[in-house]
Structures are given as C-alpha cells and as structure tokens.
C-alpha atoms as a PDB file:
ATOM      1  CA  MET A   1      41.593  30.773 -76.442  1.00  0.00           C
ATOM      2  CA  GLN A   2      40.544  29.652 -72.859  1.00  0.00           C
ATOM      3  CA  GLU A   3      42.513  32.336 -71.149  1.00  0.00           C
ATOM      4  CA  GLU A   4      41.281  34.967 -73.596  1.00  0.00           C
ATOM      5  CA  PHE A   5      37.590  33.680 -73.060  1.00  0.00           C
ATOM      6  CA  SER A   6      37.999  33.963 -69.377  1.00  0.00           C
ATOM      7  CA  VAL A   7      39.248  37.749 -69.490  1.00  0.00           C
ATOM      8  CA  TYR A   8      36.132  38.573 -71.675  1.00  0.00           C
ATOM      9  CA  ALA A   9      33.815  36.815 -69.521  1.00  0.00           C
ATOM     10  CA  ASN A  10      35.260  38.190 -66.275  1.00  0.00           C
ATOM     11  CA  LYS A  11      35.086  41.888 -67.547  1.00  0.00           C
ATOM     12  CA  THR A  12      31.572  41.219 -68.777  1.00  0.00           C
ATOM     13  CA  LEU A  13      30.486  39.771 -65.433  1.00  0.00           C
ATOM     14  CA  LYS A  14      32.231  42.604 -63.460  1.00  0.00           C
ATOM     15  CA  ALA A  15      30.582  45.349 -65.725  1.00  0.00           C
ATOM     16  CA  LEU A  16      27.105  43.640 -65.499  1.00  0.00           C
ATOM     17  CA  ASN A  17      27.440  43.296 -61.554  1.00  0.00           C
ATOM     18  CA  ASP A  18      28.663  46.975 -61.171  1.00  0.00           C
ATOM     19  CA  ALA A  19      26.026  48.432 -63.297  1.00  0.00           C
ATOM     20  CA  THR A  20      23.399  46.297 -61.256  1.00  0.00           C
ATOM     21  CA  ILE A  21      24.736  47.475 -57.786  1.00  0.00           C
ATOM     22  CA  VAL A  22      24.813  51.203 -58.991  1.00  0.00           C
ATOM     23  CA  SER A  23      21.267  51.072 -60.255  1.00  0.00           C
ATOM     24  CA  ARG A  24      20.051  49.300 -56.979  1.00  0.00           C
ATOM     25  CA  MET A  25      21.903  51.732 -54.852  1.00  0.00           C
ATOM     26  CA  SER A  26      20.362  54.669 -56.860  1.00  0.00           C
ATOM     27  CA  HIS A  27      17.028  53.070 -56.314  1.00  0.00           C
ATOM     28  CA  TRP A  28      17.310  52.785 -52.693  1.00  0.00           C
ATOM     29  CA  ASN A  29      18.969  56.389 -52.072  1.00  0.00           C
ATOM     30  CA  VAL A  30      17.456  58.590 -54.728  1.00  0.00           C
ATOM     31  CA  ARG A  31      16.021  61.896 -53.284  1.00  0.00           C
ATOM     32  CA  GLY A  32      14.644  65.047 -54.721  1.00  0.00           C
ATOM     33  CA  PRO A  33      11.476  66.488 -56.381  1.00  0.00           C
ATOM     34  CA  ASN A  34      11.538  63.536 -59.091  1.00  0.00           C
ATOM     35  CA  PHE A  35      12.002  60.906 -56.472  1.00  0.00           C
ATOM     36  CA  PHE A  36       9.286  58.592 -57.430  1.00  0.00           C
ATOM     37  CA  GLU A  37       9.885  58.698 -61.213  1.00  0.00           C
ATOM     38  CA  CYS A  38      13.538  58.040 -60.490  1.00  0.00           C
ATOM     39  CA  HIS A  39      12.920  55.429 -57.878  1.00  0.00           C
ATOM     40  CA  LEU A  40      10.745  53.429 -60.542  1.00  0.00           C
ATOM     41  CA  LEU A  41      13.403  53.944 -63.270  1.00  0.00           C
ATOM     42  CA  PHE A  42      16.265  52.731 -61.140  1.00  0.00           C
ATOM     43  CA  GLU A  43      14.145  49.767 -60.035  1.00  0.00           C
ATOM     44  CA  ARG A  44      13.393  48.825 -63.758  1.00  0.00           C
ATOM     45  CA  ILE A  45      17.110  49.043 -64.641  1.00  0.00           C
ATOM     46  CA  TYR A  46      18.304  46.868 -61.683  1.00  0.00           C
ATOM     47  CA  ASN A  47      15.547  44.338 -62.348  1.00  0.00           C
ATOM     48  CA  ASP A  48      16.524  44.235 -66.044  1.00  0.00           C
ATOM     49  CA  LEU A  49      20.140  43.629 -65.224  1.00  0.00           C
ATOM     50  CA  SER A  50      19.760  41.328 -62.238  1.00  0.00           C
ATOM     51  CA  GLU A  51      17.518  38.938 -64.145  1.00  0.00           C
ATOM     52  CA  GLN A  52      20.410  38.622 -66.694  1.00  0.00           C
ATOM     53  CA  MET A  53      23.124  37.670 -64.213  1.00  0.00           C
ATOM     54  CA  ASP A  54      22.081  34.018 -63.530  1.00  0.00           C
ATOM     55  CA  GLY A  55      21.632  32.969 -67.036  1.00  0.00           C
ATOM     56  CA  LEU A  56      24.857  34.541 -68.022  1.00  0.00           C
ATOM     57  CA  VAL A  57      26.761  32.616 -65.461  1.00  0.00           C
ATOM     58  CA  GLU A  58      25.083  29.376 -66.416  1.00  0.00           C
ATOM     59  CA  SER A  59      26.037  29.883 -70.055  1.00  0.00           C
ATOM     60  CA  LEU A  60      29.578  30.594 -69.091  1.00  0.00           C
ATOM     61  CA  ARG A  61      29.752  27.606 -66.654  1.00  0.00           C
ATOM     62  CA  ALA A  62      28.993  25.372 -69.817  1.00  0.00           C
ATOM     63  CA  PHE A  63      32.457  26.464 -71.024  1.00  0.00           C
ATOM     64  CA  GLN A  64      33.919  25.364 -67.724  1.00  0.00           C
ATOM     65  CA  HIS A  65      34.405  29.071 -66.755  1.00  0.00           C
ATOM     66  CA  ASN A  66      34.460  29.551 -63.100  1.00  0.00           C
ATOM     67  CA  PRO A  67      33.841  33.315 -62.224  1.00  0.00           C
ATOM     68  CA  ASP A  68      36.148  34.986 -59.866  1.00  0.00           C
ATOM     69  CA  PHE A  69      34.239  35.854 -56.759  1.00  0.00           C
ATOM     70  CA  ALA A  70      36.096  39.073 -56.514  1.00  0.00           C
ATOM     71  CA  ILE A  71      34.248  40.161 -59.486  1.00  0.00           C
ATOM     72  CA  PHE A  72      31.089  40.544 -57.391  1.00  0.00           C
ATOM     73  CA  SER A  73      32.430  42.797 -54.759  1.00  0.00           C
ATOM     74  CA  GLY A  74      30.878  45.770 -56.563  1.00  0.00           C
ATOM     75  CA  PRO A  75      32.228  48.995 -58.016  1.00  0.00           C
ATOM     76  CA  GLY A  76      34.059  50.403 -54.890  1.00  0.00           C
ATOM     77  CA  ILE A  77      32.350  53.804 -54.874  1.00  0.00           C
ATOM     78  CA  SER A  78      30.435  55.605 -52.095  1.00  0.00           C
ATOM     79  CA  MET A  79      27.556  57.712 -52.933  1.00  0.00           C
ATOM     80  CA  GLN A  80      27.432  61.056 -51.481  1.00  0.00           C
ATOM     81  CA  ASN A  81      25.043  62.764 -53.877  1.00  0.00           C
ATOM     82  CA  TYR A  82      21.550  61.259 -53.899  1.00  0.00           C
ATOM     83  CA  ASP A  83      20.146  63.819 -56.550  1.00  0.00           C
ATOM     84  CA  CYS A  84      18.073  61.913 -59.281  1.00  0.00           C
ATOM     85  CA  HIS A  85      19.957  63.803 -62.129  1.00  0.00           C
ATOM     86  CA  PHE A  86      23.402  62.757 -60.550  1.00  0.00           C
ATOM     87  CA  LEU A  87      22.432  59.188 -60.063  1.00  0.00           C
ATOM     88  CA  ALA A  88      20.885  58.970 -63.576  1.00  0.00           C
ATOM     89  CA  GLU A  89      24.198  60.208 -64.954  1.00  0.00           C
ATOM     90  CA  LEU A  90      26.091  57.779 -62.778  1.00  0.00           C
ATOM     91  CA  SER A  91      23.929  54.832 -63.806  1.00  0.00           C
ATOM     92  CA  LEU A  92      24.167  56.070 -67.391  1.00  0.00           C
ATOM     93  CA  ASP A  93      27.964  55.841 -67.141  1.00  0.00           C
ATOM     94  CA  TYR A  94      27.915  52.216 -65.824  1.00  0.00           C
ATOM     95  CA  LEU A  95      25.392  51.314 -68.496  1.00  0.00           C
ATOM     96  CA  MET A  96      27.464  52.650 -71.185  1.00  0.00           C
ATOM     97  CA  SER A  97      30.513  50.723 -69.928  1.00  0.00           C
ATOM     98  CA  LEU A  98      28.450  47.592 -69.592  1.00  0.00           C
ATOM     99  CA  SER A  99      27.258  48.036 -73.323  1.00  0.00           C
ATOM    100  CA  ALA A 100      30.792  48.542 -74.579  1.00  0.00           C
ATOM    101  CA  THR A 101      32.135  45.406 -72.718  1.00  0.00           C
ATOM    102  CA  LEU A 102      29.096  43.400 -73.912  1.00  0.00           C
ATOM    103  CA  ALA A 103      29.837  44.473 -77.624  1.00  0.00           C
ATOM    104  CA  LEU A 104      33.526  43.284 -77.321  1.00  0.00           C
ATOM    105  CA  PHE A 105      32.356  39.949 -75.623  1.00  0.00           C
ATOM    106  CA  PHE A 106      29.749  39.375 -78.365  1.00  0.00           C
ATOM    107  CA  GLU A 107      32.451  40.121 -81.066  1.00  0.00           C
ATOM    108  CA  PHE A 108      34.775  37.750 -79.563  1.00  0.00           C
ATOM    109  CA  VAL A 109      32.314  34.896 -79.081  1.00  0.00           C
ATOM    110  CA  GLU A 110      31.007  35.392 -82.733  1.00  0.00           C
ATOM    111  CA  GLY A 111      34.568  34.915 -83.956  1.00  0.00           C
ATOM    112  CA  LEU A 112      34.725  31.452 -82.442  1.00  0.00           C
ATOM    113  CA  GLU A 113      33.320  28.564 -84.439  1.00  0.00           C
ATOM    114  CA  GLY A 114      32.501  24.840 -84.047  1.00  0.00           C
ATOM    115  CA  ASP A 115      30.979  24.725 -80.557  1.00  0.00           C
ATOM    116  CA  PRO A 116      27.052  24.589 -80.549  1.00  0.00           C
ATOM    117  CA  ARG A 117      27.166  26.231 -76.967  1.00  0.00           C
ATOM    118  CA  LEU A 118      28.390  29.262 -78.545  1.00  0.00           C
ATOM    119  CA  VAL A 119      24.985  29.968 -80.146  1.00  0.00           C
ATOM    120  CA  ALA A 120      23.184  30.044 -76.685  1.00  0.00           C
ATOM    121  CA  LEU A 121      26.082  32.202 -75.236  1.00  0.00           C
ATOM    122  CA  SER A 122      25.912  34.553 -78.057  1.00  0.00           C
ATOM    123  CA  ASN A 123      22.152  34.882 -77.868  1.00  0.00           C
ATOM    124  CA  HIS A 124      22.326  35.469 -74.101  1.00  0.00           C
ATOM    125  CA  VAL A 125      24.969  38.203 -74.577  1.00  0.00           C
ATOM    126  CA  GLN A 126      22.625  39.916 -77.334  1.00  0.00           C
ATOM    127  CA  GLY A 127      19.680  39.660 -75.084  1.00  0.00           C
ATOM    128  CA  ILE A 128      21.651  41.388 -72.272  1.00  0.00           C
ATOM    129  CA  SER A 129      22.700  44.105 -74.807  1.00  0.00           C
ATOM    130  CA  ASP A 130      19.140  44.579 -75.896  1.00  0.00           C
ATOM    131  CA  ALA A 131      18.001  45.057 -72.286  1.00  0.00           C
ATOM    132  CA  VAL A 132      20.880  47.430 -71.625  1.00  0.00           C
ATOM    133  CA  LEU A 133      20.188  49.396 -74.807  1.00  0.00           C
ATOM    134  CA  THR A 134      16.554  49.875 -73.681  1.00  0.00           C
ATOM    135  CA  ASP A 135      17.718  51.146 -70.357  1.00  0.00           C
ATOM    136  CA  LEU A 136      20.238  53.465 -71.801  1.00  0.00           C
ATOM    137  CA  TYR A 137      17.417  54.974 -74.007  1.00  0.00           C
ATOM    138  CA  LEU A 138      15.253  55.480 -70.945  1.00  0.00           C
ATOM    139  CA  LEU A 139      18.081  57.125 -68.819  1.00  0.00           C
ATOM    140  CA  GLN A 140      19.007  59.340 -71.825  1.00  0.00           C
ATOM    141  CA  ALA A 141      15.337  60.320 -72.235  1.00  0.00           C
ATOM    142  CA  TYR A 142      15.135  61.200 -68.581  1.00  0.00           C
ATOM    143  CA  LEU A 143      18.227  63.301 -68.846  1.00  0.00           C
ATOM    144  CA  GLY A 144      17.045  65.063 -71.944  1.00  0.00           C
ATOM    145  CA  MET A 145      19.924  63.790 -74.255  1.00  0.00           C
END
C-alpha cells in the first residue's frame, strides 16, 4: 500500500507543480491584445494552485511520505509562443492533466479505510479539485469552449 500511495502522491505533486509553473510563466510572459485580461487570469490560476501545494505536502507528510525533490523541477518545456490564446490552451492542457491525476488519487484514497488522516487528505484533494475545476471553467470560457 505504501509504495502505491507514494506513486499516486508523487504523480499528484508533479502535476500540481507543473500546472502552477506553466500558469506562472504564462502570467509573466503573455503578450498580445488581450494582455491584461490574460495576465490576470493566469495570476488567478497560479495563486489558486500555489496555495494548495503546502497543505497537500503537509497532508502527505502525515503519512510519512517524503516527496522526491525532482518532482519540483518543473515541466521541462520552453515557451516560444507568448500569445494569450496559445498560453491559455497550454495552461488548459496542464490543468486537465492535473484534474485527471487528482481524480485518480482521490479514488485511491477513498478506497483506503481505517485511518482518520485519510479524511483530511481526501478533503484536501477534493478542495484542490474544486479550485482546478473553477480554473478550467475560466480558461474554457476565455477560449470560447
């Protein structure tokens, strides 16, 4: 169980970190006619995501999970297109990946029983999912989806 837990936890942390970095880089680098609108949108997203990281790591530490620091190295992409539409689609891709990863981790945690710490972890993962769904909606609305 511990090894499987670590795999889910690391994948979730990696997806959250990558989505945070992409939205932050988008915030800093966006250009174009909708600059200000996009600048604020990306700022909202990275604030939503970065606020979640500390609590998630602390919840995971309650299970003696030590995150692999390589997880926090970022997505390993270089941005060469700073158009708002392109960056919104890029951020959307990373948020969709994060949402799917969170759903899998939530399902795994919900399947475990007998440990009261699981309630706090499950609630935290659900809270991250709620924030991500809001951000997905905002990006999709911006993109006209």
